[in-house]
C-alpha atoms as a PDB file:
ATOM      1  CA  MET A   1     223.083 -54.162  98.982  1.00  0.00           C
ATOM      2  CA  SER A   2     224.172 -50.906  97.400  1.00  0.00           C
ATOM      3  CA  ASP A   3     225.159 -52.748  94.211  1.00  0.00           C
ATOM      4  CA  LYS A   4     221.681 -54.278  93.946  1.00  0.00           C
ATOM      5  CA  ASN A   5     219.963 -50.918  94.408  1.00  0.00           C
ATOM      6  CA  GLU A   6     222.101 -49.305  91.764  1.00  0.00           C
ATOM      7  CA  SER A   7     221.350 -52.156  89.342  1.00  0.00           C
ATOM      8  CA  ARG A   8     217.590 -51.797  89.931  1.00  0.00           C
ATOM      9  CA  GLN A   9     217.707 -48.022  89.339  1.00  0.00           C
ATOM     10  CA  GLU A  10     219.638 -48.537  86.119  1.00  0.00           C
ATOM     11  CA  ALA A  11     217.069 -51.115  84.963  1.00  0.00           C
ATOM     12  CA  ASP A  12     214.198 -48.739  85.727  1.00  0.00           C
ATOM     13  CA  ALA A  13     215.958 -45.936  83.858  1.00  0.00           C
ATOM     14  CA  VAL A  14     216.350 -48.189  80.836  1.00  0.00           C
ATOM     15  CA  LYS A  15     212.722 -49.289  80.914  1.00  0.00           C
ATOM     16  CA  ILE A  16     211.276 -45.685  80.863  1.00  0.00           C
ATOM     17  CA  LYS A  17     211.942 -43.481  77.871  1.00  0.00           C
ATOM     18  CA  THR A  18     210.817 -39.892  77.521  1.00  0.00           C
ATOM     19  CA  TYR A  19     210.810 -38.161  74.140  1.00  0.00           C
ATOM     20  CA  LYS A  20     208.877 -35.550  72.161  1.00  0.00           C
ATOM     21  CA  ASP A  21     206.440 -36.536  69.404  1.00  0.00           C
ATOM     22  CA  HIS A  22     205.853 -34.691  66.088  1.00  0.00           C
ATOM     23  CA  SER A  23     203.630 -32.108  67.818  1.00  0.00           C
ATOM     24  CA  GLY A  24     206.300 -31.246  70.368  1.00  0.00           C
ATOM     25  CA  GLU A  25     204.546 -32.872  73.340  1.00  0.00           C
ATOM     26  CA  GLU A  26     206.456 -35.020  75.825  1.00  0.00           C
ATOM     27  CA  VAL A  27     205.679 -38.764  75.667  1.00  0.00           C
ATOM     28  CA  SER A  28     206.735 -41.412  78.227  1.00  0.00           C
ATOM     29  CA  GLU A  29     207.223 -44.973  77.042  1.00  0.00           C
ATOM     30  CA  LYS A  30     207.741 -48.047  79.223  1.00  0.00           C
ATOM     31  CA  ALA A  31     208.915 -51.369  77.934  1.00  0.00           C
ATOM     32  CA  GLY A  32     205.948 -53.553  76.958  1.00  0.00           C
ATOM     33  CA  LYS A  33     203.450 -50.620  77.233  1.00  0.00           C
ATOM     34  CA  LYS A  34     201.994 -48.119  74.787  1.00  0.00           C
ATOM     35  CA  PRO A  35     203.392 -44.574  74.811  1.00  0.00           C
ATOM     36  CA  VAL A  36     201.581 -42.254  77.202  1.00  0.00           C
ATOM     37  CA  LYS A  37     201.339 -38.595  76.191  1.00  0.00           C
ATOM     38  CA  LYS A  38     201.691 -36.026  78.939  1.00  0.00           C
ATOM     39  CA  THR A  39     198.761 -33.601  78.760  1.00  0.00           C
ATOM     40  CA  GLY A  40     200.059 -30.182  79.634  1.00  0.00           C
ATOM     41  CA  LYS A  41     198.629 -26.755  80.313  1.00  0.00           C
ATOM     42  CA  LYS A  42     199.069 -25.794  76.648  1.00  0.00           C
ATOM     43  CA  ILE A  43     196.284 -28.187  75.522  1.00  0.00           C
ATOM     44  CA  ASN A  44     193.940 -27.055  78.282  1.00  0.00           C
ATOM     45  CA  ARG A  45     194.404 -23.383  77.362  1.00  0.00           C
ATOM     46  CA  LYS A  46     193.785 -24.090  73.689  1.00  0.00           C
ATOM     47  CA  ALA A  47     190.593 -26.060  74.398  1.00  0.00           C
ATOM     48  CA  LYS A  48     189.410 -23.351  76.766  1.00  0.00           C
ATOM     49  CA  ASN A  49     190.002 -20.647  74.154  1.00  0.00           C
ATOM     50  CA  GLU A  50     188.106 -22.652  71.523  1.00  0.00           C
ATOM     51  CA  LEU A  51     185.156 -23.142  73.856  1.00  0.00           C
ATOM     52  CA  SER A  52     185.195 -19.439  74.729  1.00  0.00           C
ATOM     53  CA  GLU A  53     185.175 -18.446  71.054  1.00  0.00           C
ATOM     54  CA  LYS A  54     182.310 -20.841  70.308  1.00  0.00           C
ATOM     55  CA  LEU A  55     180.324 -19.475  73.256  1.00  0.00           C
ATOM     56  CA  GLU A  56     180.802 -15.881  72.114  1.00  0.00           C
ATOM     57  CA  ALA A  57     179.799 -16.824  68.561  1.00  0.00           C
ATOM     58  CA  ALA A  58     176.673 -18.575  69.880  1.00  0.00           C
ATOM     59  CA  LYS A  59     175.755 -15.525  72.005  1.00  0.00           C
ATOM     60  CA  LYS A  60     176.201 -13.212  69.021  1.00  0.00           C
ATOM     61  CA  GLU A  61     174.078 -15.439  66.796  1.00  0.00           C
ATOM     62  CA  ALA A  62     171.359 -15.668  69.473  1.00  0.00           C
ATOM     63  CA  GLY A  63     171.302 -11.869  69.786  1.00  0.00           C
ATOM     64  CA  GLU A  64     171.016 -11.430  66.029  1.00  0.00           C
ATOM     65  CA  ASN A  65     168.202 -13.992  65.851  1.00  0.00           C
ATOM     66  CA  TYR A  66     166.330 -12.223  68.678  1.00  0.00           C
ATOM     67  CA  ASP A  67     166.672  -8.849  66.958  1.00  0.00           C
ATOM     68  CA  ARG A  68     165.414 -10.395  63.734  1.00  0.00           C
ATOM     69  CA  PHE A  69     162.473 -11.912  65.607  1.00  0.00           C
ATOM     70  CA  LEU A  70     161.541  -8.549  67.155  1.00  0.00           C
ATOM     71  CA  ARG A  71     161.775  -6.805  63.774  1.00  0.00           C
ATOM     72  CA  ILE A  72     159.618  -9.412  62.023  1.00  0.00           C
ATOM     73  CA  SER A  73     157.070  -9.311  64.875  1.00  0.00           C
ATOM     74  CA  ALA A  74     156.816  -5.522  64.607  1.00  0.00           C
ATOM     75  CA  GLU A  75     156.416  -5.703  60.829  1.00  0.00           C
ATOM     76  CA  PHE A  76     153.690  -8.316  61.199  1.00  0.00           C
ATOM     77  CA  GLU A  77     151.810  -6.188  63.767  1.00  0.00           C
ATOM     78  CA  ASN A  78     151.988  -3.181  61.429  1.00  0.00           C
ATOM     79  CA  TYR A  79     150.757  -5.353  58.569  1.00  0.00           C
ATOM     80  CA  LYS A  80     147.794  -6.550  60.657  1.00  0.00           C
ATOM     81  CA  LYS A  81     146.890  -2.984  61.667  1.00  0.00           C
ATOM     82  CA  ARG A  82     147.111  -1.796  58.062  1.00  0.00           C
ATOM     83  CA  LYS A  83     144.886  -4.635  56.859  1.00  0.00           C
ATOM     84  CA  ASP A  84     142.381  -3.941  59.647  1.00  0.00           C
ATOM     85  CA  ARG A  85     142.236  -0.270  58.613  1.00  0.00           C
ATOM     86  CA  GLU A  86     141.796  -1.219  54.969  1.00  0.00           C
ATOM     87  CA  ALA A  87     138.999  -3.642  55.845  1.00  0.00           C
ATOM     88  CA  ALA A  88     137.274  -1.002  57.995  1.00  0.00           C
ATOM     89  CA  ASP A  89     137.559   1.592  55.213  1.00  0.00           C
ATOM     90  CA  PHE A  90     136.199  -0.888  52.709  1.00  0.00           C
ATOM     91  CA  ARG A  91     133.147  -1.526  54.887  1.00  0.00           C
ATOM     92  CA  LYS A  92     132.617   2.201  55.467  1.00  0.00           C
ATOM     93  CA  TYR A  93     132.915   3.243  51.835  1.00  0.00           C
ATOM     94  CA  ALA A  94     131.613   0.123  50.084  1.00  0.00           C
ATOM     95  CA  ASN A  95     128.482   1.998  48.931  1.00  0.00           C
ATOM     96  CA  GLU A  96     130.327   5.136  47.789  1.00  0.00           C
ATOM     97  CA  ALA A  97     130.028   4.427  44.053  1.00  0.00           C
ATOM     98  CA  LEU A  98     126.317   3.565  44.356  1.00  0.00           C
ATOM     99  CA  VAL A  99     125.551   6.738  46.316  1.00  0.00           C
ATOM    100  CA  LYS A 100     127.375   8.867  43.719  1.00  0.00           C
ATOM    101  CA  GLU A 101     125.154   7.420  41.012  1.00  0.00           C
ATOM    102  CA  LEU A 102     122.079   8.114  43.148  1.00  0.00           C
ATOM    103  CA  LEU A 103     122.828  11.810  43.765  1.00  0.00           C
ATOM    104  CA  PRO A 104     121.678  13.046  40.315  1.00  0.00           C
ATOM    105  CA  VAL A 105     118.328  11.326  40.930  1.00  0.00           C
ATOM    106  CA  VAL A 106     118.037  13.226  44.212  1.00  0.00           C
ATOM    107  CA  ASP A 107     118.891  16.466  42.394  1.00  0.00           C
ATOM    108  CA  ASN A 108     116.137  15.907  39.822  1.00  0.00           C
ATOM    109  CA  LEU A 109     113.543  15.117  42.486  1.00  0.00           C
ATOM    110  CA  GLU A 110     114.452  18.270  44.419  1.00  0.00           C
ATOM    111  CA  ARG A 111     114.176  20.378  41.248  1.00  0.00           C
ATOM    112  CA  ALA A 112     110.765  18.866  40.567  1.00  0.00           C
ATOM    113  CA  VAL A 113     109.596  19.818  44.065  1.00  0.00           C
ATOM    114  CA  GLU A 114     110.967  23.374  43.738  1.00  0.00           C
ATOM    115  CA  THR A 115     109.344  23.849  40.323  1.00  0.00           C
ATOM    116  CA  SER A 116     105.983  22.488  41.458  1.00  0.00           C
ATOM    117  CA  ALA A 117     106.037  24.716  44.539  1.00  0.00           C
ATOM    118  CA  ASP A 118     105.824  27.804  42.264  1.00  0.00           C
ATOM    119  CA  HIS A 119     102.465  26.684  40.844  1.00  0.00           C
ATOM    120  CA  ASP A 120      98.981  26.752  42.327  1.00  0.00           C
ATOM    121  CA  ASP A 121      98.608  22.988  42.090  1.00  0.00           C
ATOM    122  CA  ALA A 122     101.590  22.517  44.410  1.00  0.00           C
ATOM    123  CA  GLY A 123      99.477  20.471  46.796  1.00  0.00           C
ATOM    124  CA  ASN A 124      98.477  17.763  44.330  1.00  0.00           C
ATOM    125  CA  GLY A 125      99.154  14.074  44.874  1.00  0.00           C
ATOM    126  CA  ILE A 126     102.147  13.943  42.538  1.00  0.00           C
ATOM    127  CA  LEU A 127     104.060  16.532  44.541  1.00  0.00           C
ATOM    128  CA  GLU A 128     103.269  14.728  47.754  1.00  0.00           C
ATOM    129  CA  GLY A 129     104.513  11.486  46.245  1.00  0.00           C
ATOM    130  CA  VAL A 130     107.770  13.104  45.149  1.00  0.00           C
ATOM    131  CA  ASN A 131     108.265  14.599  48.607  1.00  0.00           C
ATOM    132  CA  MET A 132     107.675  11.232  50.246  1.00  0.00           C
ATOM    133  CA  THR A 133     110.163   9.608  47.867  1.00  0.00           C
ATOM    134  CA  LEU A 134     112.781  12.244  48.695  1.00  0.00           C
ATOM    135  CA  LYS A 135     112.291  11.748  52.429  1.00  0.00           C
ATOM    136  CA  GLU A 136     112.758   7.990  52.096  1.00  0.00           C
ATOM    137  CA  ILE A 137     115.904   8.459  50.014  1.00  0.00           C
ATOM    138  CA  PHE A 138     117.344  10.853  52.575  1.00  0.00           C
ATOM    139  CA  LYS A 139     116.634   8.304  55.336  1.00  0.00           C
ATOM    140  CA  VAL A 140     118.578   5.686  53.409  1.00  0.00           C
ATOM    141  CA  LEU A 141     121.452   8.114  52.782  1.00  0.00           C
ATOM    142  CA  GLU A 142     121.546   9.054  56.449  1.00  0.00           C
ATOM    143  CA  LYS A 143     121.681   5.375  57.387  1.00  0.00           C
ATOM    144  CA  PHE A 144     124.924   5.083  55.411  1.00  0.00           C
ATOM    145  CA  ALA A 145     126.384   8.275  56.953  1.00  0.00           C
ATOM    146  CA  VAL A 146     125.769  10.445  53.878  1.00  0.00           C
ATOM    147  CA  ARG A 147     125.386  14.110  54.801  1.00  0.00           C
ATOM    148  CA  ALA A 148     124.758  17.303  52.828  1.00  0.00           C
ATOM    149  CA  VAL A 149     127.583  19.861  52.868  1.00  0.00           C
ATOM    150  CA  ASP A 150     126.826  23.120  54.700  1.00  0.00           C
ATOM    151  CA  ALA A 151     127.211  25.923  52.225  1.00  0.00           C
ATOM    152  CA  VAL A 152     124.978  29.009  52.261  1.00  0.00           C
ATOM    153  CA  GLY A 153     126.045  31.566  54.874  1.00  0.00           C
ATOM    154  CA  ASN A 154     129.424  29.907  55.496  1.00  0.00           C
ATOM    155  CA  GLN A 155     132.868  31.041  54.416  1.00  0.00           C
ATOM    156  CA  PHE A 156     133.946  29.555  51.108  1.00  0.00           C
ATOM    157  CA  ASP A 157     135.939  26.364  51.702  1.00  0.00           C
ATOM    158  CA  PRO A 158     137.656  24.913  48.614  1.00  0.00           C
ATOM    159  CA  THR A 159     137.686  21.499  50.299  1.00  0.00           C
ATOM    160  CA  TYR A 160     133.880  21.260  50.217  1.00  0.00           C
ATOM    161  CA  HIS A 161     132.760  24.084  47.892  1.00  0.00           C
ATOM    162  CA  GLN A 162     133.196  24.630  44.177  1.00  0.00           C
ATOM    163  CA  ALA A 163     132.760  28.287  43.219  1.00  0.00           C
ATOM    164  CA  VAL A 164     131.119  28.647  39.803  1.00  0.00           C
ATOM    165  CA  MET A 165     130.780  32.423  39.970  1.00  0.00           C
ATOM    166  CA  GLN A 166     131.191  35.505  42.177  1.00  0.00           C
ATOM    167  CA  GLU A 167     128.583  38.121  42.866  1.00  0.00           C
ATOM    168  CA  GLU A 168     129.233  41.632  44.059  1.00  0.00           C
ATOM    169  CA  THR A 169     127.216  42.482  47.139  1.00  0.00           C
ATOM    170  CA  GLU A 170     127.256  44.717  50.177  1.00  0.00           C
ATOM    171  CA  GLU A 171     124.905  42.499  52.162  1.00  0.00           C
ATOM    172  CA  HIS A 172     127.394  39.692  52.843  1.00  0.00           C
ATOM    173  CA  PRO A 173     131.040  39.593  53.874  1.00  0.00           C
ATOM    174  CA  ASP A 174     133.571  38.973  51.150  1.00  0.00           C
ATOM    175  CA  ASN A 175     134.146  35.301  50.245  1.00  0.00           C
ATOM    176  CA  THR A 176     130.869  34.138  51.803  1.00  0.00           C
ATOM    177  CA  VAL A 177     128.691  31.535  50.066  1.00  0.00           C
ATOM    178  CA  ILE A 178     125.436  33.298  49.162  1.00  0.00           C
ATOM    179  CA  LYS A 179     123.795  30.751  46.821  1.00  0.00           C
ATOM    180  CA  GLU A 180     123.894  27.010  46.337  1.00  0.00           C
ATOM    181  CA  LEU A 181     123.357  25.787  42.785  1.00  0.00           C
ATOM    182  CA  GLN A 182     123.894  22.121  43.563  1.00  0.00           C
ATOM    183  CA  LYS A 183     124.193  20.359  46.915  1.00  0.00           C
ATOM    184  CA  GLY A 184     127.415  18.717  47.975  1.00  0.00           C
ATOM    185  CA  TYR A 185     127.597  15.511  49.975  1.00  0.00           C
ATOM    186  CA  THR A 186     130.004  13.614  52.223  1.00  0.00           C
ATOM    187  CA  ILE A 187     130.113   9.979  53.334  1.00  0.00           C
ATOM    188  CA  HIS A 188     131.780   9.340  56.706  1.00  0.00           C
ATOM    189  CA  ASN A 189     133.398  12.792  56.369  1.00  0.00           C
ATOM    190  CA  ARG A 190     134.872  11.863  52.984  1.00  0.00           C
ATOM    191  CA  LEU A 191     133.773  14.181  50.186  1.00  0.00           C
ATOM    192  CA  LEU A 192     131.482  12.574  47.621  1.00  0.00           C
ATOM    193  CA  ARG A 193     131.094  15.746  45.582  1.00  0.00           C
ATOM    194  CA  PRO A 194     131.561  19.462  46.369  1.00  0.00           C
ATOM    195  CA  ALA A 195     128.695  21.918  46.572  1.00  0.00           C
ATOM    196  CA  MET A 196     128.452  24.202  43.516  1.00  0.00           C
ATOM    197  CA  VAL A 197     128.107  27.703  44.930  1.00  0.00           C
ATOM    198  CA  VAL A 198     128.051  31.437  44.257  1.00  0.00           C
ATOM    199  CA  VAL A 199     130.493  33.422  46.383  1.00  0.00           C
ATOM    200  CA  ALA A 200     130.086  36.995  47.604  1.00  0.00           C
ATOM    201  CA  LYS A 201     132.502  39.607  46.372  1.00  0.00           C
ATOM    202  CA  ALA A 202     132.970  43.034  47.885  1.00  0.00           C
ATOM    203  CA  ALA A 203     131.338  45.679  45.719  1.00  0.00           C
ATOM    204  CA  SER A 204     133.823  47.834  43.862  1.00  0.00           C
ATOM    205  CA  GLU A 205     133.889  51.522  44.686  1.00  0.00           C
ATOM    206  CA  SER A 206     132.517  53.643  41.853  1.00  0.00           C
END
């Protein structure tokens, strides 16, 4: 019996071969069967590391894409706001050029009224017609937010006033507007043209 067992063990030992392939992994081969490679911990660690690296790369790419999305969204919102402001400004100031061309006509009508007021026939029909025309023009200007610049009695403001001369006086504080030679106008608080004014100057001591 012992001889038979030993013979069977020797036969089994002959039938199973274990060797290493070109990659260094152990391979078992039985007679009449294909070689079977032993999968070890080394392969599992390598695959795990590769998956980990791919996951980290995917997370990094996702973060970069999200940051890019937020940046583009913010830029688009700013673009929309800027375009909305430009459209609103265009609507507000669309008539600016037309009003500028109309102002000299208003000036001439006002001069005509002032000149006629110095004569005895100031109450004739022509003067009344001019006054009515001026009132209608001012209504239209007011409708489009056109306002006259405050000048006489105020401190000189280079933003809204254009000084054409100075006049020495003791009746008004220095740098006060004492005369208006031509009216200034604004449209929606934007200056259309400055008021041409005479500015008070402290009288020099003699």
